[in-house]
Amino acid sequence: MTNTHTTPDVVARAVHDAIARGEGRVLGQGYQATVELYSTPAGDVVVKKAHGSGPLGPLYRHLLRREHAVYEQLAGVPGVPRTYGLVDGEHLALEYIAGPSLRTNERELQDRAGFFAALLATLRAMHAAGVAHADLKRKANIIVGPGERPWLIDFGIAARRGTSALGRAWFEHQEQADYNAWIKLKYGRRIEPAEAAKVLSPEDAALYRPLWTERVARAIRVPWQTITLRRPRQRWRAARRDETERRKD
């Protein structure tokens, strides 16, 4: 992590120099951007670089600038990394949070209830600041930080509270989608509306409200997963990970 007393300008200059020297280590790569880790005198910094080649390059750069604005809007929200700005006007620099993703570390949680309570507190603070994550269902977007503190990353498709009636309605829709995703993550499975009252705690049941977009997405996703053999592939990868862990032991 970077020094908490280091100013964003100092970090941005250090990252600029590190990028110029080509010192980044790739952490991940998607269709919109590549994420790299840079070690600087100011500390470790995550840098997200939009893919600039091809006809979609301008769109990806626009989305990265929008994501930067979201991080700025969330400044001070516990569980959201700080942003150090857009380095050279195009590379998003973020506080590095050391730790695995929930996707790879869920089974190792020592205090599952505490973890999800802290994550819910982050969601509520984030929503109060006018941002809904909109992609919370992906466990890779949740980092298990030091002390099992949850951190949210990747606000590329986040929804921001609008001023128009349509903008407010869309934000509220995504806000509810965040809570539904949180419940699914906490309970480890999708909750059917008919069983919610029996399965969920009263506090969690008050948060849960199925959305029509979720029903549509599932109607598309289930046959697609069958066609692409997603479940068998997931089980095969899980078996490989377990075998690798057993060999380490």
Protein backbone atom coordinates (compact mmCIF):
# COMPACT_ATOMS: atom_id res chain seq x y z
CA MET A 1 0.00 0.00 0.00
CA THR A 2 1.09 3.58 -0.53
CA ASN A 3 2.03 5.94 2.27
CA THR A 4 -1.19 7.51 3.54
CA HIS A 5 0.59 10.85 3.95
CA THR A 6 1.83 10.97 0.35
CA THR A 7 -0.02 13.47 -1.81
CA PRO A 8 -1.66 12.36 -5.07
CA ASP A 9 0.65 14.62 -7.08
CA VAL A 10 3.73 12.95 -5.64
CA VAL A 11 2.31 9.51 -6.39
CA ALA A 12 1.33 10.55 -9.93
CA ARG A 13 4.87 11.77 -10.67
CA ALA A 14 6.36 8.56 -9.26
CA VAL A 15 4.00 6.45 -11.37
CA HIS A 16 4.77 8.52 -14.47
CA ASP A 17 8.48 7.78 -14.02
CA ALA A 18 7.84 4.08 -13.35
CA ILE A 19 5.68 3.78 -16.48
CA ALA A 20 8.39 5.48 -18.52
CA ARG A 21 10.88 2.89 -17.26
CA GLY A 22 8.49 0.04 -18.10
CA GLU A 23 8.51 -1.36 -14.58
CA GLY A 24 4.91 -2.53 -14.39
CA ARG A 25 3.82 -6.08 -13.62
CA VAL A 26 0.57 -7.20 -15.22
CA LEU A 27 -2.09 -8.16 -12.67
CA GLY A 28 -4.93 -8.72 -15.11
CA GLN A 29 -6.26 -7.93 -18.53
CA GLY A 30 -9.77 -7.45 -19.88
CA TYR A 31 -11.31 -6.36 -23.13
CA GLN A 32 -11.26 -2.69 -22.07
CA ALA A 33 -8.05 -2.29 -20.12
CA THR A 34 -4.91 -3.83 -18.64
CA VAL A 35 -4.17 -3.57 -14.91
CA GLU A 36 -0.54 -3.31 -13.81
CA LEU A 37 1.26 -2.97 -10.48
CA TYR A 38 4.07 -0.46 -10.06
CA SER A 39 6.49 -0.23 -7.15
CA THR A 40 7.45 3.40 -6.59
CA PRO A 41 9.22 5.38 -3.85
CA ALA A 42 5.69 6.41 -2.77
CA GLY A 43 4.64 2.76 -2.44
CA ASP A 44 2.88 0.19 -4.62
CA VAL A 45 0.31 1.61 -7.02
CA VAL A 46 -2.19 -0.09 -9.31
CA VAL A 47 -2.43 1.44 -12.78
CA LYS A 48 -5.30 0.75 -15.15
CA LYS A 49 -4.47 1.40 -18.81
CA ALA A 50 -7.22 1.57 -21.42
CA HIS A 51 -6.60 -0.36 -24.61
CA GLY A 52 -5.89 2.40 -27.09
CA SER A 53 -5.65 0.57 -30.38
CA GLY A 54 -8.58 -0.17 -32.65
CA PRO A 55 -11.82 1.68 -33.31
CA LEU A 56 -13.02 1.22 -29.71
CA GLY A 57 -9.96 2.90 -28.21
CA PRO A 58 -11.68 6.31 -27.73
CA LEU A 59 -14.61 4.60 -26.00
CA TYR A 60 -12.34 2.68 -23.62
CA ARG A 61 -10.46 5.87 -22.72
CA HIS A 62 -13.76 7.64 -22.08
CA LEU A 63 -14.88 4.81 -19.79
CA LEU A 64 -11.60 4.98 -17.88
CA ARG A 65 -12.03 8.73 -17.35
CA ARG A 66 -15.56 8.06 -16.14
CA GLU A 67 -14.27 5.41 -13.73
CA HIS A 68 -11.76 7.93 -12.39
CA ALA A 69 -14.63 10.35 -11.72
CA VAL A 70 -16.45 7.59 -9.82
CA TYR A 71 -13.43 6.92 -7.61
CA GLU A 72 -13.16 10.64 -6.91
CA GLN A 73 -16.84 10.73 -5.99
CA LEU A 74 -16.21 7.89 -3.53
CA ALA A 75 -13.20 9.52 -1.86
CA GLY A 76 -13.24 8.72 1.83
CA VAL A 77 -15.68 5.81 1.60
CA PRO A 78 -14.27 2.94 3.70
CA GLY A 79 -13.50 -0.10 1.58
CA VAL A 80 -12.91 1.81 -1.67
CA PRO A 81 -9.28 2.38 -2.77
CA ARG A 82 -8.07 5.94 -3.19
CA THR A 83 -7.38 7.32 -6.63
CA TYR A 84 -4.22 9.26 -7.37
CA GLY A 85 -5.61 10.70 -10.57
CA LEU A 86 -5.14 10.11 -14.26
CA VAL A 87 -1.41 9.87 -14.89
CA ASP A 88 -0.52 11.69 -18.11
CA GLY A 89 -4.25 12.23 -18.50
CA GLU A 90 -4.92 8.62 -19.50
CA HIS A 91 -3.75 6.03 -16.91
CA LEU A 92 -5.88 5.53 -13.80
CA ALA A 93 -3.67 5.29 -10.68
CA LEU A 94 -5.18 3.62 -7.62
CA GLU A 95 -4.18 2.63 -4.11
CA TYR A 96 -2.91 -0.94 -4.06
CA ILE A 97 -4.72 -3.23 -1.62
CA ALA A 98 -2.69 -6.31 -0.81
CA GLY A 99 -4.77 -9.46 -0.71
CA PRO A 100 -6.56 -12.09 -2.79
CA SER A 101 -9.97 -11.72 -4.35
CA LEU A 102 -13.06 -13.18 -2.73
CA ARG A 103 -13.24 -15.56 -5.70
CA THR A 104 -10.01 -17.27 -4.70
CA ASN A 105 -10.14 -16.80 -0.94
CA GLU A 106 -13.78 -17.23 0.09
CA ARG A 107 -13.26 -20.61 1.72
CA GLU A 108 -10.40 -19.23 3.82
CA LEU A 109 -12.47 -16.50 5.51
CA GLN A 110 -12.16 -16.80 9.28
CA ASP A 111 -15.02 -14.43 10.09
CA ARG A 112 -17.53 -14.66 7.27
CA ALA A 113 -20.27 -12.80 9.13
CA GLY A 114 -17.92 -9.93 9.97
CA PHE A 115 -16.64 -9.76 6.41
CA PHE A 116 -20.09 -9.41 4.88
CA ALA A 117 -21.23 -6.96 7.56
CA ALA A 118 -18.28 -4.74 6.65
CA LEU A 119 -19.05 -5.13 2.95
CA LEU A 120 -22.65 -4.08 3.56
CA ALA A 121 -21.43 -0.99 5.42
CA THR A 122 -19.28 -0.11 2.41
CA LEU A 123 -22.25 -0.56 0.07
CA ARG A 124 -24.44 1.72 2.16
CA ALA A 125 -21.77 4.43 2.33
CA MET A 126 -21.18 4.10 -1.41
CA HIS A 127 -24.89 4.42 -2.20
CA ALA A 128 -25.14 7.44 0.09
CA ALA A 129 -22.35 9.01 -1.99
CA GLY A 130 -24.45 8.47 -5.12
CA VAL A 131 -22.75 5.42 -6.66
CA ALA A 132 -23.96 1.85 -7.23
CA HIS A 133 -21.31 -0.70 -8.19
CA ALA A 134 -23.56 -2.62 -10.63
CA ASP A 135 -21.16 -5.59 -10.93
CA LEU A 136 -20.93 -6.83 -7.36
CA LYS A 137 -21.88 -10.38 -8.33
CA ARG A 138 -18.35 -10.91 -9.65
CA LYS A 139 -16.26 -12.10 -6.70
CA ALA A 140 -13.12 -10.92 -8.48
CA ASN A 141 -14.28 -7.34 -7.80
CA ILE A 142 -14.00 -7.83 -4.05
CA ILE A 143 -10.56 -7.91 -2.42
CA VAL A 144 -9.98 -9.61 0.92
CA GLY A 145 -7.59 -7.07 2.40
CA PRO A 146 -5.46 -7.16 5.55
CA GLY A 147 -7.49 -8.18 8.58
CA GLU A 148 -10.15 -9.66 6.25
CA ARG A 149 -11.40 -6.20 5.43
CA PRO A 150 -13.41 -6.13 2.17
CA TRP A 151 -12.43 -3.71 -0.59
CA LEU A 152 -14.41 -2.97 -3.74
CA ILE A 153 -12.65 -2.47 -7.07
CA ASP A 154 -13.54 -2.10 -10.76
CA PHE A 155 -16.16 0.62 -11.07
CA GLY A 156 -16.10 0.46 -14.86
CA ILE A 157 -19.87 0.06 -15.21
CA ALA A 158 -20.90 1.77 -11.97
CA ALA A 159 -24.16 3.72 -11.95
CA ARG A 160 -24.21 7.29 -10.63
CA ARG A 161 -27.27 8.97 -9.21
CA GLY A 162 -28.76 11.16 -11.93
CA THR A 163 -30.82 14.31 -11.72
CA SER A 164 -33.53 13.24 -14.16
CA ALA A 165 -36.37 10.88 -13.24
CA LEU A 166 -34.91 8.23 -15.54
CA GLY A 167 -31.43 8.68 -14.09
CA ARG A 168 -32.71 8.33 -10.52
CA ALA A 169 -34.76 5.26 -11.44
CA TRP A 170 -31.76 3.56 -13.05
CA PHE A 171 -29.57 4.33 -10.06
CA GLU A 172 -32.16 2.91 -7.65
CA HIS A 173 -32.40 -0.20 -9.82
CA GLN A 174 -28.64 -0.78 -9.68
CA GLU A 175 -28.60 0.07 -5.98
CA GLN A 176 -31.06 -2.79 -5.42
CA ALA A 177 -28.99 -5.05 -7.68
CA ASP A 178 -26.01 -4.41 -5.37
CA TYR A 179 -28.01 -5.54 -2.33
CA ASN A 180 -29.31 -8.63 -4.14
CA ALA A 181 -25.75 -9.52 -5.18
CA TRP A 182 -24.54 -9.03 -1.61
CA ILE A 183 -27.19 -11.45 -0.35
CA LYS A 184 -26.26 -14.02 -2.97
CA LEU A 185 -22.60 -13.75 -2.00
CA LYS A 186 -23.29 -13.89 1.73
CA TYR A 187 -25.53 -16.97 1.50
CA GLY A 188 -23.47 -18.64 -1.19
CA ARG A 189 -26.31 -19.12 -3.64
CA ARG A 190 -29.17 -17.49 -5.45
CA ILE A 191 -32.24 -17.02 -3.26
CA GLU A 192 -35.61 -17.78 -4.80
CA PRO A 193 -38.30 -15.22 -3.93
CA ALA A 194 -40.59 -17.91 -2.52
CA GLU A 195 -37.97 -19.07 0.00
CA ALA A 196 -36.57 -15.68 1.03
CA ALA A 197 -38.63 -15.38 4.22
CA LYS A 198 -37.45 -18.80 5.43
CA VAL A 199 -33.81 -18.63 4.35
CA LEU A 200 -32.85 -15.01 5.02
CA SER A 201 -32.53 -13.28 8.36
CA PRO A 202 -35.20 -10.61 8.93
CA GLU A 203 -32.62 -7.86 8.35
CA ASP A 204 -31.43 -9.41 5.09
CA ALA A 205 -34.97 -10.18 3.92
CA ALA A 206 -35.75 -6.47 4.25
CA LEU A 207 -32.92 -5.72 1.80
CA TYR A 208 -33.88 -8.32 -0.79
CA ARG A 209 -36.10 -7.47 -3.74
CA PRO A 210 -35.87 -9.52 -6.98
CA LEU A 211 -35.52 -7.45 -10.14
CA TRP A 212 -36.98 -8.12 -13.57
CA THR A 213 -33.55 -7.62 -15.15
CA GLU A 214 -32.20 -10.47 -13.05
CA ARG A 215 -34.94 -12.78 -14.29
CA VAL A 216 -34.21 -11.84 -17.90
CA ALA A 217 -30.46 -12.29 -17.42
CA ARG A 218 -30.99 -15.72 -15.89
CA ALA A 219 -33.31 -16.78 -18.73
CA ILE A 220 -30.47 -16.00 -21.13
CA ARG A 221 -27.58 -17.17 -18.97
CA VAL A 222 -28.79 -20.68 -18.07
CA PRO A 223 -29.12 -22.02 -21.64
CA TRP A 224 -25.89 -20.24 -22.61
CA GLN A 225 -24.01 -21.92 -19.76
CA THR A 226 -25.39 -25.27 -20.88
CA ILE A 227 -24.27 -24.71 -24.46
CA THR A 228 -20.79 -23.57 -23.45
CA LEU A 229 -20.37 -26.29 -20.76
CA ARG A 230 -19.56 -23.62 -18.19
CA ARG A 231 -20.43 -25.68 -15.11
CA PRO A 232 -18.31 -28.71 -16.08
CA ARG A 233 -15.42 -26.35 -16.89
CA GLN A 234 -15.76 -24.66 -13.50
CA ARG A 235 -15.76 -28.01 -11.70
CA TRP A 236 -12.69 -29.09 -13.67
CA ARG A 237 -10.82 -25.87 -12.74
CA ALA A 238 -11.85 -26.24 -9.08
CA ALA A 239 -10.59 -29.82 -9.04
CA ARG A 240 -7.28 -28.68 -10.51
CA ARG A 241 -6.93 -25.96 -7.84
CA ASP A 242 -7.67 -28.47 -5.07
CA GLU A 243 -5.12 -30.89 -6.48
CA THR A 244 -2.52 -28.12 -6.64
CA GLU A 245 -3.20 -27.19 -3.00
CA ARG A 246 -2.90 -30.82 -1.90
CA ARG A 247 0.48 -31.11 -3.63
CA LYS A 248 1.68 -27.98 -1.83
CA ASP A 249 0.71 -29.52 1.51
